[in-house]
Amino acid sequence: MTKADLIENVYLKTGFSKKESAEIVEMVFDIMKTNLEDGEKIKIAGFGNFVVKEKATRRGRNPQTGDEIEITSRRILTFKPSQVLKASINGEE
């Protein structure tokens, strides 16, 4: 599913215009992005959690040359689905 598909579904299910639907989807994504950039957790009941985690600097190896390299610290985004979503995906009630 693409962003255009999301916009189309919002348009069909809400009765808003396509332009309004696109603005709503964009606003939701902007709010989520801003909160994640600030390091906040996003918890959507019945869906799951989006969490930004810090990864420390670590030693790695270049697979082509075998040379050791330092992998810099970074932030990663993780998603953990809720039990409700897991059950739904697996066809459970």
N, C-alpha and C. Protein backbone atom coordinates (compact mmCIF):
# COMPACT_ATOMS: atom_id res chain seq x y z
N MET A 1 0.84 -1.17 0.00
CA MET A 1 0.00 0.00 0.00
C MET A 1 0.89 1.24 0.00
N THR A 2 0.54 2.18 -0.81
CA THR A 2 1.30 3.43 -0.92
C THR A 2 0.53 4.57 -0.24
N LYS A 3 1.19 5.71 -0.16
CA LYS A 3 0.53 6.88 0.42
C LYS A 3 -0.69 7.26 -0.41
N ALA A 4 -0.58 7.12 -1.73
CA ALA A 4 -1.72 7.42 -2.61
C ALA A 4 -2.90 6.49 -2.30
N ASP A 5 -2.60 5.23 -2.00
CA ASP A 5 -3.65 4.27 -1.63
C ASP A 5 -4.31 4.69 -0.32
N LEU A 6 -3.51 5.14 0.65
CA LEU A 6 -4.06 5.61 1.92
C LEU A 6 -4.99 6.80 1.69
N ILE A 7 -4.54 7.73 0.88
CA ILE A 7 -5.35 8.92 0.58
C ILE A 7 -6.66 8.51 -0.07
N GLU A 8 -6.59 7.59 -1.01
CA GLU A 8 -7.79 7.11 -1.71
C GLU A 8 -8.76 6.46 -0.72
N ASN A 9 -8.24 5.65 0.22
CA ASN A 9 -9.09 4.99 1.22
C ASN A 9 -9.74 6.00 2.16
N VAL A 10 -8.98 7.02 2.58
CA VAL A 10 -9.55 8.07 3.43
C VAL A 10 -10.65 8.80 2.66
N TYR A 11 -10.41 9.08 1.40
CA TYR A 11 -11.39 9.75 0.53
C TYR A 11 -12.67 8.93 0.43
N LEU A 12 -12.53 7.63 0.19
CA LEU A 12 -13.71 6.77 0.00
C LEU A 12 -14.48 6.56 1.30
N LYS A 13 -13.79 6.48 2.43
CA LYS A 13 -14.45 6.14 3.69
C LYS A 13 -14.98 7.33 4.47
N THR A 14 -14.46 8.54 4.19
CA THR A 14 -14.88 9.70 4.97
C THR A 14 -15.80 10.65 4.22
N GLY A 15 -15.69 10.65 2.91
CA GLY A 15 -16.50 11.59 2.14
C GLY A 15 -15.84 12.95 1.97
N PHE A 16 -14.63 13.12 2.54
CA PHE A 16 -13.89 14.35 2.30
C PHE A 16 -13.42 14.37 0.85
N SER A 17 -13.06 15.54 0.36
CA SER A 17 -12.51 15.62 -1.00
C SER A 17 -11.13 14.96 -1.02
N LYS A 18 -10.65 14.67 -2.23
CA LYS A 18 -9.33 14.06 -2.34
C LYS A 18 -8.26 14.99 -1.79
N LYS A 19 -8.41 16.29 -2.02
CA LYS A 19 -7.45 17.27 -1.51
C LYS A 19 -7.44 17.27 0.01
N GLU A 20 -8.63 17.28 0.61
CA GLU A 20 -8.73 17.25 2.08
C GLU A 20 -8.16 15.94 2.63
N SER A 21 -8.45 14.85 1.96
CA SER A 21 -7.94 13.54 2.39
C SER A 21 -6.42 13.51 2.34
N ALA A 22 -5.84 14.09 1.29
CA ALA A 22 -4.38 14.15 1.16
C ALA A 22 -3.79 14.99 2.29
N GLU A 23 -4.44 16.11 2.62
CA GLU A 23 -3.96 16.97 3.70
C GLU A 23 -4.02 16.25 5.04
N ILE A 24 -5.07 15.48 5.27
CA ILE A 24 -5.21 14.74 6.53
C ILE A 24 -4.09 13.71 6.66
N VAL A 25 -3.87 12.94 5.61
CA VAL A 25 -2.82 11.91 5.64
C VAL A 25 -1.46 12.57 5.85
N GLU A 26 -1.19 13.65 5.15
CA GLU A 26 0.08 14.37 5.30
C GLU A 26 0.25 14.90 6.72
N MET A 27 -0.82 15.44 7.30
CA MET A 27 -0.75 15.96 8.67
C MET A 27 -0.42 14.84 9.66
N VAL A 28 -1.06 13.69 9.50
CA VAL A 28 -0.79 12.56 10.40
C VAL A 28 0.66 12.15 10.30
N PHE A 29 1.17 12.01 9.06
CA PHE A 29 2.57 11.62 8.88
C PHE A 29 3.52 12.67 9.44
N ASP A 30 3.21 13.95 9.25
CA ASP A 30 4.06 15.02 9.78
C ASP A 30 4.10 15.00 11.30
N ILE A 31 2.96 14.78 11.93
CA ILE A 31 2.90 14.71 13.39
C ILE A 31 3.72 13.53 13.89
N MET A 32 3.55 12.37 13.25
CA MET A 32 4.30 11.18 13.65
C MET A 32 5.80 11.41 13.47
N LYS A 33 6.18 11.97 12.34
CA LYS A 33 7.60 12.21 12.05
C LYS A 33 8.21 13.17 13.07
N THR A 34 7.52 14.25 13.38
CA THR A 34 8.02 15.23 14.35
C THR A 34 8.21 14.59 15.72
N ASN A 35 7.23 13.82 16.15
CA ASN A 35 7.33 13.18 17.47
C ASN A 35 8.47 12.16 17.49
N LEU A 36 8.64 11.39 16.43
CA LEU A 36 9.72 10.41 16.39
C LEU A 36 11.09 11.10 16.34
N GLU A 37 11.19 12.21 15.62
CA GLU A 37 12.44 12.97 15.58
C GLU A 37 12.81 13.47 16.97
N ASP A 38 11.80 13.80 17.77
CA ASP A 38 12.03 14.28 19.14
C ASP A 38 12.30 13.14 20.10
N GLY A 39 12.29 11.91 19.61
CA GLY A 39 12.57 10.75 20.45
C GLY A 39 11.38 10.23 21.21
N GLU A 40 10.19 10.71 20.87
CA GLU A 40 8.99 10.27 21.57
C GLU A 40 8.50 8.94 21.00
N LYS A 41 7.81 8.19 21.84
CA LYS A 41 7.23 6.91 21.45
C LYS A 41 5.81 7.17 20.93
N ILE A 42 5.41 6.46 19.88
CA ILE A 42 4.05 6.57 19.38
C ILE A 42 3.36 5.23 19.62
N LYS A 43 2.29 5.28 20.40
CA LYS A 43 1.53 4.07 20.73
C LYS A 43 0.13 4.22 20.16
N ILE A 44 -0.23 3.31 19.25
CA ILE A 44 -1.55 3.33 18.65
C ILE A 44 -2.27 2.06 19.12
N ALA A 45 -3.28 2.26 19.95
CA ALA A 45 -4.01 1.13 20.55
C ALA A 45 -4.57 0.23 19.46
N GLY A 46 -4.37 -1.07 19.61
CA GLY A 46 -4.87 -2.04 18.65
C GLY A 46 -4.03 -2.16 17.40
N PHE A 47 -2.94 -1.38 17.32
CA PHE A 47 -2.08 -1.43 16.14
C PHE A 47 -0.64 -1.75 16.52
N GLY A 48 -0.02 -0.90 17.35
CA GLY A 48 1.34 -1.17 17.78
C GLY A 48 2.07 0.07 18.24
N ASN A 49 3.38 -0.10 18.48
CA ASN A 49 4.23 0.99 18.99
C ASN A 49 5.37 1.27 18.02
N PHE A 50 5.62 2.55 17.80
CA PHE A 50 6.80 3.01 17.07
C PHE A 50 7.74 3.61 18.10
N VAL A 51 8.98 3.14 18.13
CA VAL A 51 9.94 3.61 19.14
C VAL A 51 11.27 3.89 18.45
N VAL A 52 11.89 5.03 18.82
CA VAL A 52 13.23 5.36 18.35
C VAL A 52 14.22 4.85 19.38
N LYS A 53 15.18 4.05 18.94
CA LYS A 53 16.19 3.50 19.84
C LYS A 53 17.56 4.01 19.43
N GLU A 54 18.43 4.13 20.42
CA GLU A 54 19.81 4.56 20.20
C GLU A 54 20.70 3.32 20.05
N LYS A 55 21.49 3.29 18.99
CA LYS A 55 22.46 2.21 18.83
C LYS A 55 23.84 2.80 19.09
N ALA A 56 24.61 2.14 19.90
CA ALA A 56 25.94 2.63 20.27
C ALA A 56 26.94 2.38 19.15
N THR A 57 28.07 3.09 19.22
CA THR A 57 29.17 2.85 18.30
C THR A 57 29.69 1.44 18.53
N ARG A 58 30.03 0.75 17.44
CA ARG A 58 30.53 -0.61 17.60
C ARG A 58 31.55 -0.92 16.52
N ARG A 59 32.29 -1.98 16.75
CA ARG A 59 33.28 -2.44 15.78
C ARG A 59 32.59 -3.33 14.77
N GLY A 60 32.97 -3.19 13.51
CA GLY A 60 32.42 -4.02 12.45
C GLY A 60 33.52 -4.48 11.53
N ARG A 61 33.13 -5.19 10.51
CA ARG A 61 34.12 -5.70 9.56
C ARG A 61 33.59 -5.50 8.15
N ASN A 62 34.45 -4.98 7.28
CA ASN A 62 34.11 -4.84 5.87
C ASN A 62 34.11 -6.25 5.26
N PRO A 63 32.97 -6.72 4.76
CA PRO A 63 32.92 -8.09 4.26
C PRO A 63 33.77 -8.34 3.01
N GLN A 64 34.06 -7.29 2.25
CA GLN A 64 34.86 -7.47 1.03
C GLN A 64 36.35 -7.57 1.34
N THR A 65 36.81 -6.73 2.28
CA THR A 65 38.25 -6.69 2.54
C THR A 65 38.64 -7.36 3.86
N GLY A 66 37.68 -7.52 4.75
CA GLY A 66 37.99 -8.08 6.06
C GLY A 66 38.54 -7.06 7.04
N ASP A 67 38.72 -5.82 6.60
CA ASP A 67 39.23 -4.77 7.48
C ASP A 67 38.22 -4.42 8.56
N GLU A 68 38.72 -4.16 9.78
CA GLU A 68 37.83 -3.71 10.85
C GLU A 68 37.51 -2.24 10.64
N ILE A 69 36.25 -1.90 10.89
CA ILE A 69 35.81 -0.51 10.78
C ILE A 69 34.98 -0.17 12.00
N GLU A 70 34.80 1.12 12.25
CA GLU A 70 33.97 1.56 13.35
C GLU A 70 32.62 1.99 12.78
N ILE A 71 31.57 1.39 13.29
CA ILE A 71 30.22 1.76 12.88
C ILE A 71 29.73 2.79 13.88
N THR A 72 29.41 3.98 13.39
CA THR A 72 29.04 5.09 14.27
C THR A 72 27.69 4.85 14.95
N SER A 73 27.50 5.54 16.05
CA SER A 73 26.22 5.45 16.75
C SER A 73 25.14 6.09 15.88
N ARG A 74 23.93 5.60 16.06
CA ARG A 74 22.83 6.13 15.26
C ARG A 74 21.51 5.82 15.96
N ARG A 75 20.47 6.44 15.46
CA ARG A 75 19.13 6.20 15.97
C ARG A 75 18.39 5.34 14.95
N ILE A 76 17.63 4.36 15.44
CA ILE A 76 16.85 3.53 14.55
C ILE A 76 15.39 3.54 14.98
N LEU A 77 14.52 3.29 14.03
CA LEU A 77 13.09 3.25 14.31
C LEU A 77 12.65 1.79 14.34
N THR A 78 11.95 1.41 15.39
CA THR A 78 11.43 0.05 15.47
C THR A 78 9.91 0.10 15.60
N PHE A 79 9.28 -0.96 15.13
CA PHE A 79 7.83 -1.09 15.26
C PHE A 79 7.54 -2.43 15.89
N LYS A 80 6.71 -2.41 16.92
CA LYS A 80 6.29 -3.64 17.56
C LYS A 80 4.77 -3.70 17.47
N PRO A 81 4.25 -4.69 16.72
CA PRO A 81 2.80 -4.78 16.57
C PRO A 81 2.11 -5.19 17.87
N SER A 82 0.87 -4.75 18.02
CA SER A 82 0.09 -5.11 19.21
C SER A 82 -0.39 -6.55 19.09
N GLN A 83 -0.82 -7.12 20.21
CA GLN A 83 -1.37 -8.47 20.19
C GLN A 83 -2.62 -8.54 19.32
N VAL A 84 -3.41 -7.47 19.31
CA VAL A 84 -4.62 -7.42 18.50
C VAL A 84 -4.27 -7.51 17.01
N LEU A 85 -3.26 -6.75 16.58
CA LEU A 85 -2.84 -6.77 15.18
C LEU A 85 -2.26 -8.14 14.82
N LYS A 86 -1.44 -8.70 15.71
CA LYS A 86 -0.87 -10.03 15.45
C LYS A 86 -1.98 -11.06 15.27
N ALA A 87 -2.98 -11.01 16.15
CA ALA A 87 -4.08 -11.96 16.07
C ALA A 87 -4.87 -11.77 14.78
N SER A 88 -5.08 -10.54 14.39
CA SER A 88 -5.82 -10.24 13.16
C SER A 88 -5.09 -10.75 11.94
N ILE A 89 -3.79 -10.56 11.89
CA ILE A 89 -2.98 -11.02 10.76
C ILE A 89 -2.99 -12.55 10.66
N ASN A 90 -3.04 -13.21 11.81
CA ASN A 90 -3.03 -14.67 11.85
C ASN A 90 -4.42 -15.29 11.79
N GLY A 91 -5.44 -14.47 11.53
CA GLY A 91 -6.79 -14.97 11.37
C GLY A 91 -7.47 -15.40 12.65
N GLU A 92 -6.96 -14.94 13.77
CA GLU A 92 -7.57 -15.27 15.06
C GLU A 92 -8.55 -14.17 15.45
N GLU A 93 -9.48 -14.50 16.27
CA GLU A 93 -10.47 -13.51 16.73
C GLU A 93 -10.15 -12.99 18.09
